[in-house]
């Protein structure tokens, strides 16, 4: 995961084309650490998905800017548009289904 240390870095990362997953985590969150490993293992090898990491202690303004009310939180963007978000209880199977639908629509277009 690419560390994103400023709001401007987050915005630039999101604006790039393709799938962008932004993982918001907290240092004090043990669930964040285990879910991060699962997210990385599941999506690191997908060529169409880039992963970004925001530690909310390092970028506290990201909480309000991206409406992060719990940790961990994931936001997934496709071509700059948010297509999925989940906080606290992450359902990666649901995310897989959404990504597959978007990829199918793009192939048909």
Foldseek 3Di string as FASTA:
>chain_A
DAEDQEPVSVQVQLQDAFKEKEWEAEPPDPVQVVVVVVCCVVPVPPPRYDYYYYHCVRYVVCCVVVVQPAPTKMWMHHNNHTDDIDHDDDDVVVVVVSVVVVVVVVVVD
